Amino acid sequence: MYPAELVKPMREQLTVNGFKEMFSEKDVDDLIEKKGTTLIVVNSVCGCAAANARPGVIASLSNSKTPTNLATVFAGVDREATDKARYHMAPFPPSSPCVALFKDGELVHMLERHHIEGRPAELISENLQNAFNEYC
């Protein structure tokens, strides 16, 4: 577990941009069951989350079409919620950071760590916006 004071600014980077934090299995299941589109970010302390994932996800929200629900779990901190989110992301193996788009409870688009690491935030944003245009 990472100390709360360490991850606070990393959490806030998403929450100030409209992402709801999930802490329990119930939080995740309740959100996944909602109608519409749901974007879940598995947040992380790693450098690619700060340099690429979080900025790319935030920039993607400037699109004309965006998900109905925005949520996040923090790997290494919110263990119960992270495990449940990853359960819903099967068959993709656990990775962090990662970003998943669900439509009416079904996983329709996934960005794994290897899609994020080494890629600029602009490409991540563009990838997500293309998914939003198709599913939202």
Protein backbone atom coordinates (compact mmCIF):
# COMPACT_ATOMS: atom_id res chain seq x y z
CA MET A 1 0.00 0.00 0.00
CA TYR A 2 1.21 3.46 -0.85
CA PRO A 3 0.85 6.22 1.76
CA ALA A 4 -2.24 8.40 1.28
CA GLU A 5 -0.18 11.59 1.15
CA LEU A 6 1.89 10.18 -1.72
CA VAL A 7 -1.06 9.32 -3.94
CA LYS A 8 -3.28 12.29 -3.06
CA PRO A 9 -2.08 14.57 -5.90
CA MET A 10 -2.25 11.67 -8.36
CA ARG A 11 -5.84 10.93 -7.32
CA GLU A 12 -6.78 14.59 -7.51
CA GLN A 13 -5.48 14.92 -11.05
CA LEU A 14 -8.43 12.75 -12.07
CA THR A 15 -11.04 13.65 -9.46
CA VAL A 16 -10.84 17.38 -10.18
CA ASN A 17 -11.63 16.44 -13.77
CA GLY A 18 -14.83 14.60 -12.89
CA PHE A 19 -13.66 11.08 -12.07
CA LYS A 20 -15.38 9.32 -9.18
CA GLU A 21 -13.13 7.27 -6.94
CA MET A 22 -14.15 3.69 -6.28
CA PHE A 23 -12.99 1.94 -3.12
CA SER A 24 -15.01 -1.29 -2.91
CA GLU A 25 -16.25 -4.15 -5.05
CA LYS A 26 -19.76 -2.76 -4.68
CA ASP A 27 -18.66 0.65 -6.00
CA VAL A 28 -17.30 -1.03 -9.13
CA ASP A 29 -20.25 -3.38 -9.68
CA ASP A 30 -22.78 -0.57 -9.19
CA LEU A 31 -21.00 1.58 -11.76
CA ILE A 32 -20.52 -1.20 -14.32
CA GLU A 33 -24.24 -2.04 -14.12
CA LYS A 34 -25.27 1.50 -15.09
CA LYS A 35 -26.66 2.06 -18.57
CA GLY A 36 -24.55 4.15 -20.90
CA THR A 37 -20.81 4.35 -21.21
CA THR A 38 -18.32 4.16 -18.38
CA LEU A 39 -14.62 4.97 -18.49
CA ILE A 40 -12.51 3.41 -15.73
CA VAL A 41 -8.90 4.42 -15.19
CA VAL A 42 -6.69 2.13 -13.14
CA ASN A 43 -4.43 4.85 -11.76
CA SER A 44 -0.84 4.22 -10.76
CA VAL A 45 2.21 5.87 -9.22
CA CYS A 46 4.41 4.90 -12.17
CA GLY A 47 5.92 7.55 -14.40
CA CYS A 48 3.90 6.59 -17.47
CA ALA A 49 0.70 7.30 -15.53
CA ALA A 50 1.86 10.83 -14.78
CA ALA A 51 3.48 11.61 -18.12
CA ASN A 52 1.07 9.84 -20.44
CA ALA A 53 -2.02 8.17 -19.01
CA ARG A 54 -3.61 10.79 -16.76
CA PRO A 55 -2.89 13.72 -19.10
CA GLY A 56 -4.07 11.70 -22.11
CA VAL A 57 -7.29 10.63 -20.41
CA ILE A 58 -8.03 14.18 -19.26
CA ALA A 59 -7.34 15.60 -22.74
CA SER A 60 -9.66 13.00 -24.29
CA LEU A 61 -12.58 14.56 -22.42
CA SER A 62 -12.44 17.64 -24.67
CA ASN A 63 -14.12 15.51 -27.36
CA SER A 64 -17.71 16.21 -28.42
CA LYS A 65 -18.68 12.69 -27.33
CA THR A 66 -17.59 11.50 -23.90
CA PRO A 67 -18.54 8.67 -21.54
CA THR A 68 -21.57 9.04 -19.31
CA ASN A 69 -19.62 7.91 -16.24
CA LEU A 70 -16.01 8.55 -15.27
CA ALA A 71 -14.37 6.52 -12.52
CA THR A 72 -11.00 5.53 -11.16
CA VAL A 73 -9.36 3.00 -8.88
CA PHE A 74 -5.81 3.25 -7.61
CA ALA A 75 -3.59 0.20 -8.05
CA GLY A 76 -1.61 -0.56 -4.91
CA VAL A 77 -4.05 1.42 -2.75
CA ASP A 78 -7.69 0.55 -3.49
CA ARG A 79 -7.05 -3.20 -3.64
CA GLU A 80 -10.65 -4.44 -3.43
CA ALA A 81 -11.93 -2.01 -6.07
CA THR A 82 -8.91 -2.52 -8.31
CA ASP A 83 -9.28 -6.30 -8.23
CA LYS A 84 -12.98 -6.02 -9.09
CA ALA A 85 -12.34 -3.55 -11.91
CA ARG A 86 -9.70 -5.88 -13.34
CA TYR A 87 -12.17 -8.77 -13.07
CA HIS A 88 -14.51 -6.83 -15.38
CA MET A 89 -11.60 -6.10 -17.74
CA ALA A 90 -10.99 -9.80 -18.48
CA PRO A 91 -9.64 -11.28 -20.68
CA PHE A 92 -7.01 -8.57 -20.47
CA PRO A 93 -4.31 -9.26 -17.88
CA PRO A 94 -3.88 -6.85 -14.96
CA SER A 95 -1.81 -3.80 -15.77
CA SER A 96 -1.47 -0.34 -14.40
CA PRO A 97 -2.04 2.16 -15.57
CA CYS A 98 -4.78 1.06 -17.91
CA VAL A 99 -8.04 2.50 -19.22
CA ALA A 100 -11.23 0.62 -20.01
CA LEU A 101 -14.41 1.78 -21.72
CA PHE A 102 -17.63 -0.10 -21.00
CA LYS A 103 -20.98 0.27 -22.74
CA ASP A 104 -24.03 -1.00 -20.88
CA GLY A 105 -21.73 -3.14 -18.74
CA GLU A 106 -19.77 -4.67 -21.61
CA LEU A 107 -16.07 -3.96 -22.14
CA VAL A 108 -15.76 -2.35 -25.58
CA HIS A 109 -12.31 -0.73 -25.58
CA MET A 110 -9.11 -1.26 -23.59
CA LEU A 111 -5.81 0.54 -23.31
CA GLU A 112 -3.28 -1.60 -21.51
CA ARG A 113 -0.02 -0.38 -20.03
CA HIS A 114 1.88 -1.40 -23.18
CA HIS A 115 -0.43 0.92 -25.19
CA ILE A 116 0.40 3.77 -22.80
CA GLU A 117 4.06 3.39 -21.90
CA GLY A 118 6.32 5.38 -24.21
CA ARG A 119 3.45 7.04 -26.06
CA PRO A 120 2.65 10.72 -25.73
CA ALA A 121 -0.53 11.88 -24.03
CA GLU A 122 -1.80 13.19 -27.37
CA LEU A 123 -1.85 9.68 -28.88
CA ILE A 124 -3.61 8.26 -25.83
CA SER A 125 -6.18 11.05 -26.03
CA GLU A 126 -6.71 10.44 -29.75
CA ASN A 127 -7.14 6.70 -29.18
CA LEU A 128 -9.76 7.30 -26.50
CA GLN A 129 -11.58 9.94 -28.53
CA ASN A 130 -11.88 7.49 -31.42
CA ALA A 131 -13.42 4.99 -29.00
CA PHE A 132 -15.76 7.67 -27.61
CA ASN A 133 -16.88 8.55 -31.14
CA GLU A 134 -17.70 4.91 -31.81
CA TYR A 135 -19.35 3.93 -28.51
CA CYS A 136 -20.61 7.08 -26.76
